[in-house]
Protein backbone atom coordinates (compact mmCIF):
# COMPACT_ATOMS: atom_id res chain seq x y z
CA UNK A 1 -0.88 0.30 -8.52
CA UNK A 2 -1.73 0.89 -12.19
CA UNK A 3 -2.75 -1.24 -15.13
CA UNK A 4 -5.28 0.31 -17.51
CA UNK A 5 -6.75 2.31 -14.64
CA UNK A 6 -4.55 4.47 -12.42
CA UNK A 7 -5.75 2.87 -9.17
CA UNK A 8 -4.72 -0.71 -9.96
CA UNK A 9 -1.00 -0.90 -10.68
CA UNK A 10 2.26 -0.26 -8.88
CA UNK A 11 4.16 0.61 -12.06
CA UNK A 12 6.18 3.79 -11.38
CA UNK A 13 5.90 4.96 -14.99
CA UNK A 14 2.12 4.72 -15.10
CA UNK A 15 1.78 6.28 -11.67
CA UNK A 16 3.89 9.22 -12.80
CA UNK A 17 1.93 9.34 -16.07
CA UNK A 18 -1.35 9.71 -14.12
CA UNK A 19 0.16 12.26 -11.74
CA UNK A 20 1.82 14.31 -14.49
CA UNK A 21 -1.25 14.41 -16.74
CA UNK A 22 -3.43 15.37 -13.76
CA UNK A 23 -1.03 18.17 -12.86
CA UNK A 24 -1.06 19.49 -16.45
CA UNK A 25 -4.88 19.53 -16.37
CA UNK A 26 -4.83 21.36 -13.02
CA UNK A 27 -2.40 23.96 -14.34
CA UNK A 28 -4.50 24.54 -17.47
CA UNK A 29 -7.51 25.80 -15.48
CA UNK A 30 -7.94 29.53 -15.15
CA UNK A 31 -10.11 29.78 -12.06
CA UNK A 32 -10.63 27.96 -8.77
CA UNK A 33 -14.03 26.45 -9.66
CA UNK A 34 -12.89 24.76 -12.87
CA UNK A 35 -9.65 23.74 -11.17
CA UNK A 36 -11.66 22.24 -8.32
CA UNK A 37 -13.81 20.28 -10.75
CA UNK A 38 -10.67 18.79 -12.30
CA UNK A 39 -9.30 17.89 -8.86
CA UNK A 40 -12.59 16.14 -8.03
CA UNK A 41 -12.43 14.12 -11.27
CA UNK A 42 -8.82 13.07 -10.68
CA UNK A 43 -9.55 11.75 -7.18
CA UNK A 44 -12.77 10.08 -8.34
CA UNK A 45 -10.77 8.17 -10.95
CA UNK A 46 -8.04 7.29 -8.49
CA UNK A 47 -10.31 6.20 -5.63
CA UNK A 48 -13.16 4.59 -7.61
CA UNK A 49 -15.78 6.91 -6.15
CA UNK A 50 -18.84 8.35 -7.89
CA UNK A 51 -19.34 11.64 -6.02
CA UNK A 52 -16.93 14.33 -4.91
CA UNK A 53 -17.25 17.69 -3.15
CA UNK A 54 -14.40 20.14 -2.62
CA UNK A 55 -14.84 22.37 0.45
CA UNK A 56 -12.75 25.55 0.45
CA UNK A 57 -12.47 28.26 3.06
CA UNK A 58 -14.43 31.48 2.68
CA UNK A 59 -15.04 34.35 5.10
CA UNK A 60 -18.06 32.74 6.76
CA UNK A 61 -17.06 29.05 6.63
CA UNK A 62 -16.17 26.11 4.44
CA UNK A 63 -18.42 25.79 1.40
CA UNK A 64 -18.56 23.46 -1.59
CA UNK A 65 -16.63 25.30 -4.28
CA UNK A 66 -16.57 22.47 -6.82
CA UNK A 67 -18.37 19.15 -7.09
CA UNK A 68 -18.95 16.20 -9.40
CA UNK A 69 -22.25 14.25 -9.55
CA UNK A 70 -23.87 16.22 -6.70
CA UNK A 71 -27.24 17.92 -6.97
CA UNK A 72 -27.27 21.69 -7.02
CA UNK A 73 -29.41 21.93 -3.85
CA UNK A 74 -26.83 20.02 -1.83
CA UNK A 75 -24.00 22.14 -3.19
CA UNK A 76 -25.81 25.34 -2.25
CA UNK A 77 -27.05 24.27 1.19
CA UNK A 78 -24.20 22.28 2.79
CA UNK A 79 -21.48 24.21 4.60
CA UNK A 80 -19.34 24.06 7.75
CA UNK A 81 -18.53 26.91 10.10
CA UNK A 82 -14.97 28.07 10.63
CA UNK A 83 -15.07 26.53 14.13
CA UNK A 84 -16.66 23.26 13.10
CA UNK A 85 -15.51 20.26 15.22
CA UNK A 86 -14.83 18.35 12.05
CA UNK A 87 -12.63 21.12 10.64
CA UNK A 88 -10.73 21.37 13.94
CA UNK A 89 -10.15 17.63 13.86
CA UNK A 90 -8.96 17.69 10.24
CA UNK A 91 -6.42 20.39 11.04
CA UNK A 92 -4.87 18.12 13.66
CA UNK A 93 -4.74 14.76 11.86
CA UNK A 94 -1.51 13.89 10.07
CA UNK A 95 -3.04 11.37 7.68
CA UNK A 96 -3.07 12.09 3.95
CA UNK A 97 -6.48 10.41 3.59
CA UNK A 98 -9.26 9.26 5.93
CA UNK A 99 -11.36 6.31 4.84
CA UNK A 100 -13.97 3.86 6.12
CA UNK A 101 -16.09 0.94 5.01
CA UNK A 102 -19.68 1.65 4.07
CA UNK A 103 -21.84 2.07 7.19
CA UNK A 104 -18.94 1.92 9.66
CA UNK A 105 -18.73 5.03 11.85
CA UNK A 106 -16.31 3.63 14.41
CA UNK A 107 -13.42 5.81 13.22
CA UNK A 108 -13.14 8.94 15.36
CA UNK A 109 -12.94 11.32 12.39
CA UNK A 110 -16.25 10.05 11.02
CA UNK A 111 -17.95 10.27 14.40
CA UNK A 112 -17.12 13.98 14.43
CA UNK A 113 -18.07 14.29 10.78
CA UNK A 114 -21.60 13.17 11.52
CA UNK A 115 -21.91 15.10 14.77
CA UNK A 116 -25.19 17.06 14.65
CA UNK A 117 -25.72 15.62 11.17
CA UNK A 118 -23.56 18.36 9.67
CA UNK A 119 -22.71 16.41 6.52
CA UNK A 120 -25.12 13.50 6.80
CA UNK A 121 -26.65 14.33 3.44
CA UNK A 122 -23.37 13.45 1.70
CA UNK A 123 -22.13 9.94 0.94
CA UNK A 124 -18.72 9.86 2.61
CA UNK A 125 -16.15 7.13 2.04
CA UNK A 126 -12.97 9.19 1.92
CA UNK A 127 -11.82 12.58 3.19
CA UNK A 128 -8.64 14.16 1.84
CA UNK A 129 -7.40 17.18 3.85
CA UNK A 130 -5.75 19.93 1.81
CA UNK A 131 -3.21 21.53 4.12
CA UNK A 132 0.45 22.44 4.27
CA UNK A 133 2.66 23.71 7.07
CA UNK A 134 1.22 27.23 6.97
CA UNK A 135 -2.31 26.91 5.65
CA UNK A 136 -5.46 24.77 5.75
CA UNK A 137 -7.28 25.35 2.47
CA UNK A 138 -10.12 22.87 2.91
CA UNK A 139 -10.85 19.25 2.18
CA UNK A 140 -12.22 16.87 -0.42
CA UNK A 141 -15.03 14.41 0.33
CA UNK A 142 -15.63 11.40 -1.91
CA UNK A 143 -18.47 8.91 -1.69
CA UNK A 144 -20.31 5.99 -3.28
CA UNK A 145 -17.30 3.79 -4.00
CA UNK A 146 -17.72 1.47 -6.97
CA UNK A 147 -16.02 -1.55 -5.41
CA UNK A 148 -18.42 -4.02 -3.81
CA UNK A 149 -15.96 -4.94 -1.06
CA UNK A 150 -13.75 -2.56 0.86
CA UNK A 151 -10.22 -3.80 1.59
CA UNK A 152 -8.54 -1.91 4.40
CA UNK A 153 -5.30 -3.76 3.74
CA UNK A 154 -5.14 -2.29 0.24
CA UNK A 155 -4.77 1.17 1.75
CA UNK A 156 -1.57 0.16 3.48
CA UNK A 157 0.22 -0.05 0.13
CA UNK A 158 3.04 2.46 0.15
CA UNK A 159 2.81 3.34 -3.55
CA UNK A 160 -0.92 4.05 -3.33
CA UNK A 161 -0.52 6.37 -0.37
CA UNK A 162 2.45 8.09 -2.01
CA UNK A 163 0.41 8.86 -5.11
CA UNK A 164 -2.47 10.21 -3.00
CA UNK A 165 -0.04 12.44 -1.11
CA UNK A 166 1.51 13.69 -4.36
CA UNK A 167 -1.86 14.38 -5.95
CA UNK A 168 -3.02 16.22 -2.81
CA UNK A 169 0.20 18.26 -2.77
CA UNK A 170 -0.27 19.14 -6.44
CA UNK A 171 -3.88 20.15 -5.70
CA UNK A 172 -2.76 22.42 -2.86
CA UNK A 173 -0.05 23.99 -5.01
CA UNK A 174 -2.48 24.70 -7.86
CA UNK A 175 -5.27 25.95 -5.58
CA UNK A 176 -2.88 28.37 -3.87
CA UNK A 177 -1.59 29.53 -7.25
CA UNK A 178 -5.13 30.00 -8.58
CA UNK A 179 -6.12 31.91 -5.44
CA UNK A 180 -3.12 34.18 -5.76
CA UNK A 181 -3.88 34.74 -9.43
CA UNK A 182 -7.48 35.66 -8.61
CA UNK A 183 -6.34 38.20 -6.00
CA UNK A 184 -3.42 39.61 -7.92
CA UNK A 185 -4.30 39.05 -11.57
CA UNK A 186 -2.95 42.40 -12.71
CA UNK A 187 0.37 41.86 -10.95
CA UNK A 188 1.18 38.37 -12.26
CA UNK A 189 4.67 37.89 -13.60
CA UNK A 190 4.28 35.25 -16.32
CA UNK A 191 7.94 34.28 -16.44
CA UNK A 192 8.07 33.78 -12.68
CA UNK A 193 4.90 31.67 -12.82
CA UNK A 194 6.40 29.36 -15.47
CA UNK A 195 9.57 28.95 -13.44
CA UNK A 196 7.58 28.08 -10.30
CA UNK A 197 5.65 25.40 -12.17
CA UNK A 198 8.82 23.91 -13.61
CA UNK A 199 10.66 24.01 -10.28
CA UNK A 200 7.73 22.39 -8.52
CA UNK A 201 7.49 19.53 -11.00
CA UNK A 202 11.25 18.95 -11.25
CA UNK A 203 11.82 18.92 -7.48
CA UNK A 204 8.61 17.22 -6.43
CA UNK A 205 9.30 13.81 -7.93
CA UNK A 206 12.15 12.11 -6.09
CA UNK A 207 13.60 10.32 -9.11
CA UNK A 208 15.81 11.51 -11.94
CA UNK A 209 13.92 13.36 -14.68
CA UNK A 210 15.16 14.46 -18.11
CA UNK A 211 13.22 15.97 -21.04
CA UNK A 212 14.67 15.51 -24.54
CA UNK A 213 13.19 17.39 -27.50
CA UNK A 214 11.96 14.98 -30.18
CA UNK A 215 12.73 17.12 -33.23
CA UNK A 216 16.17 18.49 -32.34
CA UNK A 217 17.44 15.83 -29.96
CA UNK A 218 18.40 18.58 -27.51
CA UNK A 219 18.21 18.17 -23.75
CA UNK A 220 15.69 20.81 -22.69
CA UNK A 221 15.82 20.24 -18.96
CA UNK A 222 16.94 17.78 -16.29
CA UNK A 223 16.83 17.75 -12.52
CA UNK A 224 19.60 17.51 -9.93
CA UNK A 225 18.76 13.90 -9.13
CA UNK A 226 19.65 12.67 -12.60
CA UNK A 227 22.88 14.64 -12.54
CA UNK A 228 23.89 12.76 -9.41
CA UNK A 229 22.84 9.38 -10.80
CA UNK A 230 24.98 9.84 -13.91
CA UNK A 231 27.69 11.94 -12.25
CA UNK A 232 27.30 14.92 -14.56
CA UNK A 233 27.07 17.73 -11.98
CA UNK A 234 29.90 19.59 -13.72
CA UNK A 235 28.68 19.03 -17.29
CA UNK A 236 26.87 21.67 -19.31
CA UNK A 237 24.05 19.60 -20.80
CA UNK A 238 21.03 21.92 -21.16
CA UNK A 239 20.29 22.82 -24.80
CA UNK A 240 23.03 20.44 -25.92
CA UNK A 241 22.40 17.90 -28.67
CA UNK A 242 22.56 14.25 -27.58
CA UNK A 243 24.89 13.34 -30.48
CA UNK A 244 27.29 16.13 -29.57
CA UNK A 245 27.35 15.04 -25.91
CA UNK A 246 28.08 11.44 -26.88
CA UNK A 247 30.96 12.57 -29.13
CA UNK A 248 32.37 14.87 -26.45
CA UNK A 249 32.10 12.44 -23.53
CA UNK A 250 32.19 8.96 -25.14
CA UNK A 251 33.29 7.09 -21.99
CA UNK A 252 30.83 8.65 -19.55
CA UNK A 253 27.90 6.68 -18.14
CA UNK A 254 25.59 9.50 -19.24
CA UNK A 255 26.62 8.90 -22.87
CA UNK A 256 25.77 5.21 -22.48
CA UNK A 257 22.31 6.25 -21.28
CA UNK A 258 21.90 8.58 -24.29
CA UNK A 259 22.91 5.75 -26.66
CA UNK A 260 20.24 3.56 -25.09
CA UNK A 261 17.69 6.36 -25.59
CA UNK A 262 18.65 6.79 -29.26
CA UNK A 263 18.36 3.04 -29.92
CA UNK A 264 14.91 2.93 -28.33
CA UNK A 265 13.84 6.00 -30.30
CA UNK A 266 14.78 4.33 -33.60
CA UNK A 267 12.67 1.28 -32.74
CA UNK A 268 9.62 3.36 -31.74
CA UNK A 269 6.44 2.42 -33.59
CA UNK A 270 3.84 4.55 -31.81
CA UNK A 271 3.83 7.73 -29.74
CA UNK A 272 0.93 6.29 -27.71
CA UNK A 273 3.23 3.65 -26.21
CA UNK A 274 5.88 4.50 -23.65
CA UNK A 275 9.46 4.40 -24.88
CA UNK A 276 10.47 2.76 -21.59
CA UNK A 277 8.22 0.79 -19.23
CA UNK A 278 10.08 -0.53 -16.19
CA UNK A 279 13.08 -0.97 -18.49
CA UNK A 280 16.08 -2.51 -16.68
CA UNK A 281 19.38 -0.98 -17.80
CA UNK A 282 22.88 -1.93 -16.67
CA UNK A 283 25.53 0.76 -17.24
CA UNK A 284 29.12 0.29 -16.14
CA UNK A 285 28.13 -2.14 -13.40
CA UNK A 286 25.22 0.00 -12.12
CA UNK A 287 21.58 -1.06 -12.43
CA UNK A 288 18.84 1.43 -13.34
CA UNK A 289 15.11 1.34 -14.09
CA UNK A 290 13.75 3.59 -16.87
CA UNK A 291 10.18 4.78 -17.44
CA UNK A 292 8.98 7.46 -19.82
CA UNK A 293 6.00 9.25 -21.32
CA UNK A 294 5.76 11.12 -24.61
CA UNK A 295 4.82 14.74 -23.89
CA UNK A 296 3.18 17.22 -26.24
CA UNK A 297 3.56 20.93 -25.57
CA UNK A 298 5.69 20.96 -22.40
CA UNK A 299 7.80 24.01 -23.39
CA UNK A 300 6.86 26.37 -26.23
CA UNK A 301 4.78 23.61 -27.86
CA UNK A 302 7.79 21.31 -27.96
CA UNK A 303 7.24 17.60 -28.03
CA UNK A 304 9.59 15.00 -26.69
CA UNK A 305 10.34 12.29 -24.18
CA UNK A 306 10.10 12.80 -20.44
CA UNK A 307 12.28 10.02 -19.01
CA UNK A 308 12.26 8.94 -15.36
CA UNK A 309 15.43 7.26 -14.08
CA UNK A 310 15.89 5.52 -10.75
CA UNK A 311 18.35 3.05 -9.29
CA UNK A 312 17.19 -0.56 -9.38
CA UNK A 313 16.33 -1.83 -5.89
CA UNK A 314 18.98 -4.04 -4.32
CA UNK A 315 18.20 -7.75 -4.36
């Protein structure tokens, strides 16, 4: 799903890199409008569109809260009512993204979209609903795709759809958080907010994740998945130095993984290149795939390696 651009390669490490960096940008925004602009840019890059408009719910309907490459008059004038047929349809569909080829209005969702010319002044190639089990926040419209030919088959790729779903879920999470912060700014508990962000990131990605501090070599955090992969559920590893863990548990598979990490770290020539990129690793008869990104400022301005571990697919 990703090569140099995040929409072209199926490499898990690069997909996570795009997702993680997008999430960090989302979390850095202080209000819904600037957050919405960043969400629009992320989806534009992912879907090769040129225009984006984020519709969010207000008291009197769904209005464009953020947009990229749209004229101000369109942003100010286009809105949908709370009982719009298109909104009612979006609330019912279970798809993570709706799409069409240029000029093809045969898909039911797009028939409703253009009913009474409600949004006919927008170029529409994709619609991404932003909803969870309890709430429908709004939707993102993207138009003017850059590709000359539309390939419907390409949208059946599992990895592509998974990334869209993850990015939409991250957008919903951040929009809800920003909305709560706007309504309850004086009552925000900063420590609780940081924990929510960390818990969301660590539980959201279904693979093993571990963050190792570059300067100290300490394990700052790791998720439950990686504990199961390396059978270290009963080990106390957080804030422990990698050298000390290797000395204490020399025969464990986790120590073999840490030795591999240390060897790769010694050979590192640039922080701009991933330490692991689809790296196959065989430990005690078990096959794993490693990917990583070098992170700056994840916790208290710490820098280090965020390593993603997954079992190699069976042949």
